[in-house]
Amino acid sequence: MPSVKLVQAEEALMLVKDGIRLGLGGSPLTMNPVSLVAHVIEKGIKDLDVVVAPIGGFAADMLIGAGAVRSVEFAQLGFEEMGMAPNFRKRSQDGMLRTLDHT
């Protein structure tokens, strides 16, 4: 692992491959890695096992909606007072997403 902790999105994206476990930080509506997630979706990366911490928000929901996520591990995944993340809810309810809830 490199000693430098900050990398450009393009460099970070080279580490993201089909089938990996991907950790996403941030909160429901702020500090989401949107640029990285947009590039992941654009590249067509699939079968991700996503872990959100401390709380999952719209970046995780974007990946779920794009069909890139096989499973999601979370304590909370939603849009605060705006309710549940819509893609997360739909894919969870229709059985297309494996969920590991740590609440």
C-alpha atoms as a PDB file:
ATOM      1  CA  MET A   1       0.000   0.000   0.000  1.00  0.00           C
ATOM      2  CA  PRO A   2       1.392   3.416  -0.902  1.00  0.00           C
ATOM      3  CA  SER A   3       2.489   5.712   1.931  1.00  0.00           C
ATOM      4  CA  VAL A   4       0.724   8.675   0.299  1.00  0.00           C
ATOM      5  CA  LYS A   5      -2.932   8.538   1.304  1.00  0.00           C
ATOM      6  CA  LEU A   6      -4.295  11.046  -1.220  1.00  0.00           C
ATOM      7  CA  VAL A   7      -4.624  10.031  -4.850  1.00  0.00           C
ATOM      8  CA  GLN A   8      -6.416  11.366  -7.888  1.00  0.00           C
ATOM      9  CA  ALA A   9      -9.748   9.738  -8.805  1.00  0.00           C
ATOM     10  CA  GLU A  10      -8.192   8.124 -11.887  1.00  0.00           C
ATOM     11  CA  GLU A  11      -5.524   6.424  -9.764  1.00  0.00           C
ATOM     12  CA  ALA A  12      -8.069   5.245  -7.186  1.00  0.00           C
ATOM     13  CA  LEU A  13     -10.275   3.944  -9.979  1.00  0.00           C
ATOM     14  CA  MET A  14      -7.475   1.621 -11.159  1.00  0.00           C
ATOM     15  CA  LEU A  15      -7.927  -0.280  -7.871  1.00  0.00           C
ATOM     16  CA  VAL A  16     -11.652  -0.869  -8.437  1.00  0.00           C
ATOM     17  CA  LYS A  17     -12.365  -4.111 -10.311  1.00  0.00           C
ATOM     18  CA  ASP A  18     -15.373  -6.411 -10.722  1.00  0.00           C
ATOM     19  CA  GLY A  19     -16.166  -8.389  -7.593  1.00  0.00           C
ATOM     20  CA  ILE A  20     -14.128  -6.431  -5.031  1.00  0.00           C
ATOM     21  CA  ARG A  21     -15.225  -5.166  -1.616  1.00  0.00           C
ATOM     22  CA  LEU A  22     -15.465  -1.379  -1.870  1.00  0.00           C
ATOM     23  CA  GLY A  23     -15.633   0.858   1.178  1.00  0.00           C
ATOM     24  CA  LEU A  24     -17.462   4.168   0.860  1.00  0.00           C
ATOM     25  CA  GLY A  25     -17.204   6.891   3.483  1.00  0.00           C
ATOM     26  CA  GLY A  26     -19.173  10.043   3.945  1.00  0.00           C
ATOM     27  CA  SER A  27     -22.644  10.702   5.164  1.00  0.00           C
ATOM     28  CA  PRO A  28     -26.088  10.538   3.588  1.00  0.00           C
ATOM     29  CA  LEU A  29     -25.927  13.805   1.667  1.00  0.00           C
ATOM     30  CA  THR A  30     -22.393  15.178   2.037  1.00  0.00           C
ATOM     31  CA  MET A  31     -18.795  14.025   1.660  1.00  0.00           C
ATOM     32  CA  ASN A  32     -19.693  11.294  -0.845  1.00  0.00           C
ATOM     33  CA  PRO A  33     -17.064  10.116  -3.374  1.00  0.00           C
ATOM     34  CA  VAL A  34     -19.295  11.076  -6.296  1.00  0.00           C
ATOM     35  CA  SER A  35     -16.555  11.443  -8.904  1.00  0.00           C
ATOM     36  CA  LEU A  36     -15.154   8.000  -8.143  1.00  0.00           C
ATOM     37  CA  VAL A  37     -18.626   6.429  -8.151  1.00  0.00           C
ATOM     38  CA  ALA A  38     -19.506   8.094 -11.467  1.00  0.00           C
ATOM     39  CA  HIS A  39     -16.330   6.665 -13.020  1.00  0.00           C
ATOM     40  CA  VAL A  40     -17.083   3.197 -11.603  1.00  0.00           C
ATOM     41  CA  ILE A  41     -20.541   3.320 -13.176  1.00  0.00           C
ATOM     42  CA  GLU A  42     -19.129   4.635 -16.455  1.00  0.00           C
ATOM     43  CA  LYS A  43     -16.591   1.779 -16.616  1.00  0.00           C
ATOM     44  CA  GLY A  44     -19.367  -0.775 -16.091  1.00  0.00           C
ATOM     45  CA  ILE A  45     -17.782  -2.341 -12.997  1.00  0.00           C
ATOM     46  CA  LYS A  46     -20.115  -4.968 -11.467  1.00  0.00           C
ATOM     47  CA  ASP A  47     -20.586  -7.369  -8.553  1.00  0.00           C
ATOM     48  CA  LEU A  48     -19.266  -5.007  -5.896  1.00  0.00           C
ATOM     49  CA  ASP A  49     -19.636  -5.800  -2.223  1.00  0.00           C
ATOM     50  CA  VAL A  50     -20.050  -2.309  -0.790  1.00  0.00           C
ATOM     51  CA  VAL A  51     -19.412  -1.394   2.846  1.00  0.00           C
ATOM     52  CA  VAL A  52     -20.636   2.061   3.900  1.00  0.00           C
ATOM     53  CA  ALA A  53     -19.299   3.824   6.961  1.00  0.00           C
ATOM     54  CA  PRO A  54     -20.353   5.612   8.977  1.00  0.00           C
ATOM     55  CA  ILE A  55     -23.592   6.059   6.993  1.00  0.00           C
ATOM     56  CA  GLY A  56     -24.374   5.302   3.369  1.00  0.00           C
ATOM     57  CA  GLY A  57     -25.937   7.924   1.169  1.00  0.00           C
ATOM     58  CA  PHE A  58     -26.429   8.916  -2.400  1.00  0.00           C
ATOM     59  CA  ALA A  59     -23.080   7.612  -3.722  1.00  0.00           C
ATOM     60  CA  ALA A  60     -23.919   4.083  -2.579  1.00  0.00           C
ATOM     61  CA  ASP A  61     -27.456   4.512  -3.907  1.00  0.00           C
ATOM     62  CA  MET A  62     -26.086   5.561  -7.304  1.00  0.00           C
ATOM     63  CA  LEU A  63     -23.998   2.381  -7.499  1.00  0.00           C
ATOM     64  CA  ILE A  64     -26.971   0.258  -6.446  1.00  0.00           C
ATOM     65  CA  GLY A  65     -29.213   1.927  -9.022  1.00  0.00           C
ATOM     66  CA  ALA A  66     -26.641   1.298 -11.753  1.00  0.00           C
ATOM     67  CA  GLY A  67     -26.694  -2.426 -10.966  1.00  0.00           C
ATOM     68  CA  ALA A  68     -23.044  -2.425  -9.873  1.00  0.00           C
ATOM     69  CA  VAL A  69     -23.637  -3.738  -6.326  1.00  0.00           C
ATOM     70  CA  ARG A  70     -24.107  -7.381  -5.359  1.00  0.00           C
ATOM     71  CA  SER A  71     -24.241  -6.738  -1.592  1.00  0.00           C
ATOM     72  CA  VAL A  72     -24.182  -3.815   0.812  1.00  0.00           C
ATOM     73  CA  GLU A  73     -23.082  -3.786   4.442  1.00  0.00           C
ATOM     74  CA  PHE A  74     -24.403  -0.875   6.489  1.00  0.00           C
ATOM     75  CA  ALA A  75     -25.672   0.508   9.764  1.00  0.00           C
ATOM     76  CA  GLN A  76     -27.781   3.088   7.947  1.00  0.00           C
ATOM     77  CA  LEU A  77     -28.332   3.842   4.282  1.00  0.00           C
ATOM     78  CA  GLY A  78     -30.697   6.641   3.420  1.00  0.00           C
ATOM     79  CA  PHE A  79     -31.216  10.327   2.772  1.00  0.00           C
ATOM     80  CA  GLU A  80     -31.797  11.580   6.347  1.00  0.00           C
ATOM     81  CA  GLU A  81     -35.120  13.442   6.621  1.00  0.00           C
ATOM     82  CA  MET A  82     -35.846  12.728   2.954  1.00  0.00           C
ATOM     83  CA  GLY A  83     -36.300   9.034   3.694  1.00  0.00           C
ATOM     84  CA  MET A  84     -34.774   5.822   2.419  1.00  0.00           C
ATOM     85  CA  ALA A  85     -32.432   5.756  -0.538  1.00  0.00           C
ATOM     86  CA  PRO A  86     -34.772   4.798  -3.417  1.00  0.00           C
ATOM     87  CA  ASN A  87     -32.505   2.383  -5.304  1.00  0.00           C
ATOM     88  CA  PHE A  88     -31.450   0.681  -2.078  1.00  0.00           C
ATOM     89  CA  ARG A  89     -35.095   0.237  -1.069  1.00  0.00           C
ATOM     90  CA  LYS A  90     -36.204  -1.098  -4.463  1.00  0.00           C
ATOM     91  CA  ARG A  91     -33.336  -3.576  -4.894  1.00  0.00           C
ATOM     92  CA  SER A  92     -33.646  -4.736  -1.275  1.00  0.00           C
ATOM     93  CA  GLN A  93     -37.383  -5.314  -1.551  1.00  0.00           C
ATOM     94  CA  ASP A  94     -37.195  -7.124  -4.878  1.00  0.00           C
ATOM     95  CA  GLY A  95     -34.444  -9.438  -3.584  1.00  0.00           C
ATOM     96  CA  MET A  96     -31.806  -8.233  -6.058  1.00  0.00           C
ATOM     97  CA  LEU A  97     -29.460  -6.977  -3.346  1.00  0.00           C
ATOM     98  CA  ARG A  98     -27.895  -8.898  -0.469  1.00  0.00           C
ATOM     99  CA  THR A  99     -27.983  -6.728   2.650  1.00  0.00           C
ATOM    100  CA  LEU A 100     -25.991  -7.013   5.868  1.00  0.00           C
ATOM    101  CA  ASP A 101     -27.618  -4.684   8.400  1.00  0.00           C
ATOM    102  CA  HIS A 102     -25.583  -3.686  11.454  1.00  0.00           C
ATOM    103  CA  THR A 103     -28.138  -1.501  13.249  1.00  0.00           C
END
